[in-house]
N, C-alpha and C. Protein backbone atom coordinates (compact mmCIF):
# COMPACT_ATOMS: atom_id res chain seq x y z
N MET A 1 31.95 14.54 -20.27
CA MET A 1 30.81 14.67 -21.15
C MET A 1 29.85 13.49 -20.97
N GLN A 2 30.42 12.29 -20.84
CA GLN A 2 29.57 11.12 -20.61
C GLN A 2 28.92 11.18 -19.24
N SER A 3 29.62 11.74 -18.29
CA SER A 3 29.06 11.89 -16.95
C SER A 3 27.84 12.80 -16.98
N ALA A 4 27.92 13.87 -17.71
CA ALA A 4 26.79 14.80 -17.82
C ALA A 4 25.62 14.12 -18.51
N ARG A 5 25.90 13.29 -19.52
CA ARG A 5 24.84 12.55 -20.21
C ARG A 5 24.16 11.56 -19.26
N ARG A 6 24.96 10.87 -18.45
CA ARG A 6 24.40 9.93 -17.48
C ARG A 6 23.54 10.64 -16.44
N VAL A 7 23.99 11.80 -15.99
CA VAL A 7 23.23 12.58 -15.01
C VAL A 7 21.89 13.01 -15.63
N ARG A 8 21.92 13.49 -16.87
CA ARG A 8 20.68 13.90 -17.55
C ARG A 8 19.74 12.70 -17.72
N GLU A 9 20.31 11.55 -18.04
CA GLU A 9 19.51 10.34 -18.22
C GLU A 9 18.84 9.93 -16.90
N VAL A 10 19.57 10.00 -15.80
CA VAL A 10 19.00 9.67 -14.49
C VAL A 10 17.89 10.65 -14.13
N GLU A 11 18.13 11.94 -14.37
CA GLU A 11 17.11 12.95 -14.09
C GLU A 11 15.86 12.72 -14.94
N LEU A 12 16.05 12.38 -16.21
CA LEU A 12 14.93 12.12 -17.11
C LEU A 12 14.15 10.90 -16.63
N LYS A 13 14.86 9.85 -16.23
CA LYS A 13 14.19 8.66 -15.71
C LYS A 13 13.36 8.98 -14.47
N GLU A 14 13.92 9.78 -13.58
CA GLU A 14 13.19 10.16 -12.37
C GLU A 14 11.92 10.94 -12.71
N LYS A 15 12.03 11.91 -13.62
CA LYS A 15 10.87 12.71 -14.00
C LYS A 15 9.81 11.84 -14.66
N LEU A 16 10.23 10.98 -15.58
CA LEU A 16 9.28 10.11 -16.27
C LEU A 16 8.62 9.14 -15.30
N SER A 17 9.38 8.63 -14.35
CA SER A 17 8.82 7.71 -13.35
C SER A 17 7.76 8.41 -12.50
N MET A 18 8.04 9.61 -12.08
CA MET A 18 7.08 10.34 -11.26
C MET A 18 5.81 10.68 -12.05
N LEU A 19 5.97 11.13 -13.30
CA LEU A 19 4.80 11.42 -14.12
C LEU A 19 4.00 10.15 -14.41
N TYR A 20 4.69 9.05 -14.61
CA TYR A 20 4.04 7.77 -14.85
C TYR A 20 3.22 7.34 -13.63
N LEU A 21 3.81 7.46 -12.45
CA LEU A 21 3.08 7.09 -11.23
C LEU A 21 1.86 7.99 -11.01
N LEU A 22 2.01 9.26 -11.28
CA LEU A 22 0.89 10.18 -11.16
C LEU A 22 -0.23 9.77 -12.12
N GLY A 23 0.13 9.50 -13.36
CA GLY A 23 -0.86 9.08 -14.35
C GLY A 23 -1.51 7.76 -13.98
N ALA A 24 -0.72 6.82 -13.47
CA ALA A 24 -1.26 5.52 -13.07
C ALA A 24 -2.24 5.67 -11.92
N ASN A 25 -1.92 6.53 -10.97
CA ASN A 25 -2.84 6.76 -9.85
C ASN A 25 -4.15 7.39 -10.32
N ILE A 26 -4.07 8.34 -11.22
CA ILE A 26 -5.27 8.97 -11.75
C ILE A 26 -6.10 7.94 -12.53
N ARG A 27 -5.43 7.16 -13.37
CA ARG A 27 -6.10 6.14 -14.15
C ARG A 27 -6.78 5.10 -13.26
N GLU A 28 -6.10 4.72 -12.19
CA GLU A 28 -6.63 3.72 -11.27
C GLU A 28 -7.92 4.21 -10.61
N ARG A 29 -7.98 5.48 -10.31
CA ARG A 29 -9.16 6.05 -9.65
C ARG A 29 -10.37 6.16 -10.59
N PHE A 30 -10.13 6.43 -11.87
CA PHE A 30 -11.22 6.73 -12.77
C PHE A 30 -11.56 5.64 -13.77
N SER A 31 -10.79 4.57 -13.84
CA SER A 31 -11.11 3.50 -14.79
C SER A 31 -10.52 2.19 -14.28
N ASP A 32 -10.96 1.12 -14.92
CA ASP A 32 -10.45 -0.21 -14.57
C ASP A 32 -9.52 -0.74 -15.66
N GLY A 33 -8.95 0.15 -16.45
CA GLY A 33 -8.12 -0.25 -17.57
C GLY A 33 -6.76 -0.79 -17.14
N LYS A 34 -6.13 -1.49 -18.06
CA LYS A 34 -4.81 -2.04 -17.83
C LYS A 34 -3.78 -0.92 -17.83
N ILE A 35 -2.86 -0.96 -16.90
CA ILE A 35 -1.80 0.04 -16.82
C ILE A 35 -0.59 -0.48 -17.60
N THR A 36 -0.13 0.29 -18.58
CA THR A 36 1.02 -0.08 -19.39
C THR A 36 2.29 0.17 -18.60
N PRO A 37 3.17 -0.84 -18.53
CA PRO A 37 4.44 -0.64 -17.81
C PRO A 37 5.26 0.47 -18.46
N LEU A 38 6.05 1.13 -17.65
CA LEU A 38 6.85 2.27 -18.11
C LEU A 38 7.84 1.87 -19.19
N TRP A 39 8.41 0.67 -19.10
CA TRP A 39 9.41 0.24 -20.09
C TRP A 39 8.79 -0.04 -21.45
N GLU A 40 7.47 -0.22 -21.53
CA GLU A 40 6.84 -0.35 -22.84
C GLU A 40 6.65 1.02 -23.49
N LEU A 41 6.53 2.04 -22.68
CA LEU A 41 6.38 3.40 -23.21
C LEU A 41 7.73 3.98 -23.65
N PHE A 42 8.79 3.66 -22.91
CA PHE A 42 10.14 4.16 -23.20
C PHE A 42 11.11 2.97 -23.18
N PRO A 43 11.09 2.10 -24.20
CA PRO A 43 11.88 0.87 -24.16
C PRO A 43 13.39 1.09 -24.09
N ASP A 44 13.91 2.09 -24.75
CA ASP A 44 15.36 2.31 -24.74
C ASP A 44 15.84 2.81 -23.39
N LEU A 45 15.05 3.61 -22.75
CA LEU A 45 15.45 4.25 -21.51
C LEU A 45 15.34 3.31 -20.31
N PHE A 46 14.34 2.42 -20.31
CA PHE A 46 14.09 1.57 -19.15
C PHE A 46 14.34 0.08 -19.44
N ALA A 47 15.30 -0.23 -20.29
CA ALA A 47 15.60 -1.63 -20.62
C ALA A 47 16.12 -2.40 -19.40
N GLU A 48 16.97 -1.76 -18.61
CA GLU A 48 17.53 -2.44 -17.43
C GLU A 48 16.44 -2.73 -16.39
N GLU A 49 15.51 -1.81 -16.22
CA GLU A 49 14.44 -2.01 -15.26
C GLU A 49 13.52 -3.15 -15.69
N LYS A 50 13.27 -3.25 -17.00
CA LYS A 50 12.43 -4.33 -17.52
C LYS A 50 13.09 -5.68 -17.25
N GLU A 51 14.39 -5.76 -17.52
CA GLU A 51 15.12 -7.00 -17.30
C GLU A 51 15.11 -7.39 -15.82
N ALA A 52 15.32 -6.42 -14.94
CA ALA A 52 15.30 -6.70 -13.50
C ALA A 52 13.92 -7.16 -13.05
N TYR A 53 12.87 -6.55 -13.59
CA TYR A 53 11.51 -6.95 -13.23
C TYR A 53 11.23 -8.38 -13.70
N GLU A 54 11.62 -8.71 -14.93
CA GLU A 54 11.37 -10.05 -15.45
C GLU A 54 12.13 -11.10 -14.66
N GLN A 55 13.35 -10.80 -14.25
CA GLN A 55 14.10 -11.74 -13.43
C GLN A 55 13.47 -11.92 -12.06
N SER A 56 12.96 -10.85 -11.49
CA SER A 56 12.34 -10.96 -10.16
C SER A 56 11.04 -11.75 -10.22
N GLN A 57 10.39 -11.77 -11.38
CA GLN A 57 9.14 -12.51 -11.51
C GLN A 57 9.37 -14.00 -11.74
N THR A 58 10.52 -14.39 -12.28
CA THR A 58 10.76 -15.80 -12.57
C THR A 58 11.39 -16.55 -11.41
N VAL A 59 12.11 -15.89 -10.54
CA VAL A 59 12.80 -16.56 -9.44
C VAL A 59 11.84 -17.24 -8.49
N PRO A 60 10.80 -16.60 -7.99
CA PRO A 60 9.90 -17.28 -7.05
C PRO A 60 9.22 -18.50 -7.66
N VAL A 61 8.92 -18.48 -8.95
CA VAL A 61 8.28 -19.62 -9.60
C VAL A 61 9.22 -20.83 -9.57
N LYS A 62 10.48 -20.60 -9.88
CA LYS A 62 11.45 -21.70 -9.85
C LYS A 62 11.57 -22.27 -8.44
N GLU A 63 11.62 -21.39 -7.45
CA GLU A 63 11.72 -21.85 -6.06
C GLU A 63 10.48 -22.63 -5.66
N MET A 64 9.32 -22.18 -6.09
CA MET A 64 8.08 -22.86 -5.76
C MET A 64 8.03 -24.26 -6.38
N VAL A 65 8.48 -24.38 -7.62
CA VAL A 65 8.49 -25.68 -8.29
C VAL A 65 9.42 -26.64 -7.55
N GLU A 66 10.60 -26.16 -7.20
CA GLU A 66 11.55 -27.01 -6.47
C GLU A 66 10.99 -27.43 -5.12
N SER A 67 10.34 -26.52 -4.42
CA SER A 67 9.75 -26.81 -3.12
C SER A 67 8.66 -27.89 -3.25
N ARG A 68 7.84 -27.78 -4.25
CA ARG A 68 6.78 -28.77 -4.46
C ARG A 68 7.35 -30.13 -4.85
N LYS A 69 8.42 -30.14 -5.61
CA LYS A 69 9.06 -31.42 -5.95
C LYS A 69 9.61 -32.11 -4.71
N ARG A 70 10.25 -31.32 -3.83
CA ARG A 70 10.77 -31.90 -2.59
C ARG A 70 9.64 -32.43 -1.73
N TYR A 71 8.53 -31.69 -1.65
CA TYR A 71 7.38 -32.13 -0.87
C TYR A 71 6.81 -33.43 -1.43
N ALA A 72 6.69 -33.51 -2.75
CA ALA A 72 6.15 -34.72 -3.39
C ALA A 72 7.05 -35.92 -3.12
N GLU A 73 8.37 -35.72 -3.17
CA GLU A 73 9.29 -36.82 -2.87
C GLU A 73 9.12 -37.32 -1.45
N ILE A 74 9.03 -36.42 -0.50
CA ILE A 74 8.84 -36.81 0.91
C ILE A 74 7.49 -37.51 1.07
N TRP A 75 6.44 -36.97 0.47
CA TRP A 75 5.11 -37.58 0.57
C TRP A 75 5.12 -39.00 0.00
N ASN A 76 5.74 -39.18 -1.15
CA ASN A 76 5.79 -40.51 -1.77
C ASN A 76 6.59 -41.49 -0.92
N LYS A 77 7.68 -41.04 -0.32
CA LYS A 77 8.47 -41.92 0.55
C LYS A 77 7.67 -42.33 1.77
N ARG A 78 6.93 -41.41 2.36
CA ARG A 78 6.09 -41.73 3.52
C ARG A 78 4.98 -42.72 3.11
N ARG A 79 4.41 -42.52 1.97
CA ARG A 79 3.34 -43.39 1.50
C ARG A 79 3.84 -44.81 1.27
N ARG A 80 5.05 -44.92 0.77
CA ARG A 80 5.65 -46.23 0.53
C ARG A 80 6.22 -46.86 1.80
N GLY A 81 6.32 -46.08 2.86
CA GLY A 81 6.86 -46.57 4.11
C GLY A 81 8.37 -46.55 4.17
N GLU A 82 8.98 -45.70 3.34
CA GLU A 82 10.44 -45.63 3.30
C GLU A 82 10.98 -44.69 4.34
N LEU A 83 10.15 -43.89 4.97
CA LEU A 83 10.63 -42.95 6.00
C LEU A 83 10.31 -43.46 7.36
């Protein structure tokens, strides 16, 4: 019974995703408005997708900050003549 519920949920997610993409494409062609993410329209159904998206957006920022810190350390050492 739970398997059937999961299958229906996956099918519903697929249908909603396709309709959302169709609507987003139409909206993009005819207006310059902001496109609402799918998980804001159906928060219970797309909670996992929202979490995955938020995690994917924060990882590169952390890597970029660390990279810049390493660059600044090397630059400062060169400037001081330590390298």
